[in-house]
Amino acid sequence: MKLTKVTMNLTERDIENTETLQQRLHSRSKASAVSSALVIAEEITKRLELGEHVLVRKKDNSMERVFIPGVGGA
């Protein structure tokens, strides 16, 4: 595995999102949380580009389709 160091300017919201993901994904570090988020985003966008649908089952068992503007014809 090739590692590349990346430097980014993050907004306060980006930092809050990273911290939230770190907790939700039980990541050991913010970098690990970002890495996991990239894997998840890549999988979702790949499926949308293939014309597949990504669905979320809500607590009431209803289904909601995930749209990401600009991906997969959304």
N, C-alpha and C. Protein backbone atom coordinates (compact mmCIF):
# COMPACT_ATOMS: atom_id res chain seq x y z
N MET A 1 0.84 -1.17 0.00
CA MET A 1 0.00 0.00 0.00
C MET A 1 0.89 1.24 0.00
N LYS A 2 0.63 2.12 -0.94
CA LYS A 2 1.38 3.37 -1.02
C LYS A 2 0.68 4.42 -0.15
N LEU A 3 1.44 5.11 0.67
CA LEU A 3 0.91 6.17 1.51
C LEU A 3 1.32 7.52 0.95
N THR A 4 0.38 8.45 0.96
CA THR A 4 0.64 9.81 0.52
C THR A 4 0.14 10.76 1.59
N LYS A 5 0.97 11.67 2.00
CA LYS A 5 0.56 12.66 2.99
C LYS A 5 -0.21 13.77 2.27
N VAL A 6 -1.34 14.16 2.84
CA VAL A 6 -2.18 15.20 2.27
C VAL A 6 -2.38 16.29 3.31
N THR A 7 -2.22 17.52 2.89
CA THR A 7 -2.49 18.67 3.76
C THR A 7 -3.72 19.37 3.23
N MET A 8 -4.65 19.66 4.12
CA MET A 8 -5.91 20.29 3.71
C MET A 8 -6.26 21.43 4.65
N ASN A 9 -6.97 22.39 4.11
CA ASN A 9 -7.58 23.44 4.93
C ASN A 9 -9.02 23.02 5.18
N LEU A 10 -9.38 22.85 6.43
CA LEU A 10 -10.72 22.40 6.79
C LEU A 10 -11.49 23.51 7.49
N THR A 11 -12.78 23.59 7.15
CA THR A 11 -13.65 24.54 7.83
C THR A 11 -14.01 23.96 9.21
N GLU A 12 -14.62 24.78 10.04
CA GLU A 12 -15.07 24.28 11.35
C GLU A 12 -16.05 23.14 11.15
N ARG A 13 -16.92 23.25 10.14
CA ARG A 13 -17.90 22.20 9.87
C ARG A 13 -17.19 20.91 9.46
N ASP A 14 -16.16 21.01 8.63
CA ASP A 14 -15.40 19.83 8.22
C ASP A 14 -14.79 19.13 9.43
N ILE A 15 -14.25 19.91 10.34
CA ILE A 15 -13.63 19.35 11.55
C ILE A 15 -14.68 18.66 12.41
N GLU A 16 -15.84 19.30 12.57
CA GLU A 16 -16.93 18.70 13.35
C GLU A 16 -17.38 17.40 12.70
N ASN A 17 -17.52 17.40 11.36
CA ASN A 17 -17.92 16.18 10.66
C ASN A 17 -16.90 15.07 10.85
N THR A 18 -15.62 15.42 10.79
CA THR A 18 -14.56 14.43 10.98
C THR A 18 -14.62 13.85 12.39
N GLU A 19 -14.83 14.69 13.38
CA GLU A 19 -14.91 14.22 14.76
C GLU A 19 -16.13 13.32 14.96
N THR A 20 -17.26 13.70 14.34
CA THR A 20 -18.48 12.89 14.43
C THR A 20 -18.25 11.54 13.78
N LEU A 21 -17.64 11.53 12.59
CA LEU A 21 -17.36 10.27 11.91
C LEU A 21 -16.39 9.41 12.71
N GLN A 22 -15.43 10.03 13.32
CA GLN A 22 -14.46 9.30 14.14
C GLN A 22 -15.20 8.53 15.24
N GLN A 23 -16.17 9.17 15.86
CA GLN A 23 -16.94 8.52 16.92
C GLN A 23 -17.84 7.43 16.35
N ARG A 24 -18.58 7.76 15.28
CA ARG A 24 -19.54 6.80 14.72
C ARG A 24 -18.86 5.58 14.12
N LEU A 25 -17.68 5.76 13.53
CA LEU A 25 -16.97 4.66 12.89
C LEU A 25 -15.98 3.98 13.83
N HIS A 26 -15.91 4.48 15.07
CA HIS A 26 -14.98 3.95 16.08
C HIS A 26 -13.54 3.95 15.55
N SER A 27 -13.19 5.04 14.89
CA SER A 27 -11.85 5.18 14.32
C SER A 27 -10.87 5.64 15.39
N ARG A 28 -9.63 5.19 15.26
CA ARG A 28 -8.60 5.56 16.23
C ARG A 28 -8.10 6.98 16.02
N SER A 29 -8.28 7.50 14.80
CA SER A 29 -7.78 8.84 14.51
C SER A 29 -8.69 9.53 13.51
N LYS A 30 -8.52 10.84 13.40
CA LYS A 30 -9.29 11.58 12.40
C LYS A 30 -8.89 11.15 11.00
N ALA A 31 -7.61 10.86 10.80
CA ALA A 31 -7.14 10.40 9.48
C ALA A 31 -7.81 9.08 9.11
N SER A 32 -7.96 8.20 10.07
CA SER A 32 -8.63 6.92 9.82
C SER A 32 -10.10 7.14 9.48
N ALA A 33 -10.75 8.07 10.16
CA ALA A 33 -12.15 8.39 9.87
C ALA A 33 -12.30 8.94 8.46
N VAL A 34 -11.40 9.82 8.05
CA VAL A 34 -11.44 10.38 6.69
C VAL A 34 -11.21 9.27 5.67
N SER A 35 -10.26 8.39 5.94
CA SER A 35 -9.99 7.28 5.04
C SER A 35 -11.22 6.39 4.88
N SER A 36 -11.89 6.07 5.98
CA SER A 36 -13.11 5.26 5.92
C SER A 36 -14.20 5.98 5.15
N ALA A 37 -14.33 7.27 5.36
CA ALA A 37 -15.35 8.06 4.65
C ALA A 37 -15.10 8.05 3.15
N LEU A 38 -13.83 8.09 2.75
CA LEU A 38 -13.50 8.04 1.32
C LEU A 38 -13.87 6.69 0.72
N VAL A 39 -13.64 5.61 1.45
CA VAL A 39 -14.01 4.27 0.98
C VAL A 39 -15.53 4.18 0.81
N ILE A 40 -16.27 4.67 1.79
CA ILE A 40 -17.73 4.64 1.73
C ILE A 40 -18.23 5.48 0.56
N ALA A 41 -17.71 6.68 0.41
CA ALA A 41 -18.13 7.57 -0.68
C ALA A 41 -17.82 6.96 -2.04
N GLU A 42 -16.65 6.31 -2.16
CA GLU A 42 -16.28 5.70 -3.43
C GLU A 42 -17.25 4.58 -3.80
N GLU A 43 -17.60 3.76 -2.83
CA GLU A 43 -18.52 2.64 -3.09
C GLU A 43 -19.90 3.15 -3.49
N ILE A 44 -20.41 4.14 -2.78
CA ILE A 44 -21.73 4.68 -3.10
C ILE A 44 -21.74 5.33 -4.47
N THR A 45 -20.76 6.16 -4.77
CA THR A 45 -20.74 6.84 -6.08
C THR A 45 -20.53 5.84 -7.21
N LYS A 46 -19.73 4.79 -6.99
CA LYS A 46 -19.54 3.76 -8.02
C LYS A 46 -20.87 3.10 -8.35
N ARG A 47 -21.62 2.75 -7.34
CA ARG A 47 -22.91 2.09 -7.56
C ARG A 47 -23.90 3.00 -8.27
N LEU A 48 -23.93 4.27 -7.88
CA LEU A 48 -24.82 5.22 -8.53
C LEU A 48 -24.44 5.40 -10.00
N GLU A 49 -23.14 5.46 -10.29
CA GLU A 49 -22.68 5.61 -11.68
C GLU A 49 -23.01 4.38 -12.51
N LEU A 50 -23.11 3.21 -11.88
CA LEU A 50 -23.49 1.98 -12.58
C LEU A 50 -25.00 1.90 -12.81
N GLY A 51 -25.72 2.92 -12.35
CA GLY A 51 -27.17 2.94 -12.51
C GLY A 51 -27.91 2.21 -11.41
N GLU A 52 -27.19 1.79 -10.39
CA GLU A 52 -27.83 1.13 -9.26
C GLU A 52 -28.43 2.18 -8.32
N HIS A 53 -29.26 1.73 -7.40
CA HIS A 53 -29.87 2.62 -6.42
C HIS A 53 -29.34 2.30 -5.04
N VAL A 54 -29.12 3.32 -4.24
CA VAL A 54 -28.73 3.15 -2.85
C VAL A 54 -29.94 3.56 -2.02
N LEU A 55 -30.39 2.63 -1.19
CA LEU A 55 -31.59 2.86 -0.39
C LEU A 55 -31.26 2.82 1.09
N VAL A 56 -32.00 3.62 1.85
CA VAL A 56 -31.87 3.64 3.30
C VAL A 56 -33.21 3.20 3.88
N ARG A 57 -33.15 2.21 4.75
CA ARG A 57 -34.38 1.79 5.43
C ARG A 57 -34.52 2.61 6.70
N LYS A 58 -35.64 3.31 6.81
CA LYS A 58 -35.89 4.16 7.97
C LYS A 58 -36.46 3.33 9.12
N LYS A 59 -36.52 3.93 10.29
CA LYS A 59 -36.99 3.21 11.48
C LYS A 59 -38.40 2.65 11.31
N ASP A 60 -39.24 3.34 10.52
CA ASP A 60 -40.61 2.87 10.30
C ASP A 60 -40.69 1.83 9.17
N ASN A 61 -39.53 1.34 8.71
CA ASN A 61 -39.39 0.35 7.64
C ASN A 61 -39.67 0.90 6.24
N SER A 62 -39.94 2.19 6.12
CA SER A 62 -40.06 2.77 4.79
C SER A 62 -38.67 2.92 4.20
N MET A 63 -38.61 3.02 2.88
CA MET A 63 -37.34 3.12 2.19
C MET A 63 -37.21 4.51 1.57
N GLU A 64 -35.98 5.01 1.60
CA GLU A 64 -35.68 6.31 1.01
C GLU A 64 -34.48 6.15 0.10
N ARG A 65 -34.59 6.65 -1.14
CA ARG A 65 -33.50 6.54 -2.10
C ARG A 65 -32.48 7.66 -1.86
N VAL A 66 -31.20 7.33 -1.92
CA VAL A 66 -30.12 8.29 -1.73
C VAL A 66 -29.78 8.93 -3.07
N PHE A 67 -29.80 10.26 -3.12
CA PHE A 67 -29.40 11.01 -4.31
C PHE A 67 -28.17 11.82 -3.97
N ILE A 68 -27.21 11.84 -4.87
CA ILE A 68 -26.05 12.73 -4.75
C ILE A 68 -26.01 13.53 -6.05
N PRO A 69 -26.31 14.83 -5.99
CA PRO A 69 -26.35 15.63 -7.21
C PRO A 69 -25.06 15.50 -8.02
N GLY A 70 -25.22 15.29 -9.32
CA GLY A 70 -24.08 15.19 -10.22
C GLY A 70 -23.51 13.79 -10.36
N VAL A 71 -24.07 12.82 -9.63
CA VAL A 71 -23.58 11.44 -9.70
C VAL A 71 -24.71 10.54 -10.17
N GLY A 72 -24.45 9.76 -11.17
CA GLY A 72 -25.42 8.76 -11.61
C GLY A 72 -26.71 9.33 -12.13
N GLY A 73 -26.65 10.50 -12.74
CA GLY A 73 -27.85 11.08 -13.33
C GLY A 73 -28.79 11.72 -12.33
N ALA A 74 -28.32 11.90 -11.09
CA ALA A 74 -29.18 12.52 -10.06
C ALA A 74 -29.35 14.00 -10.33
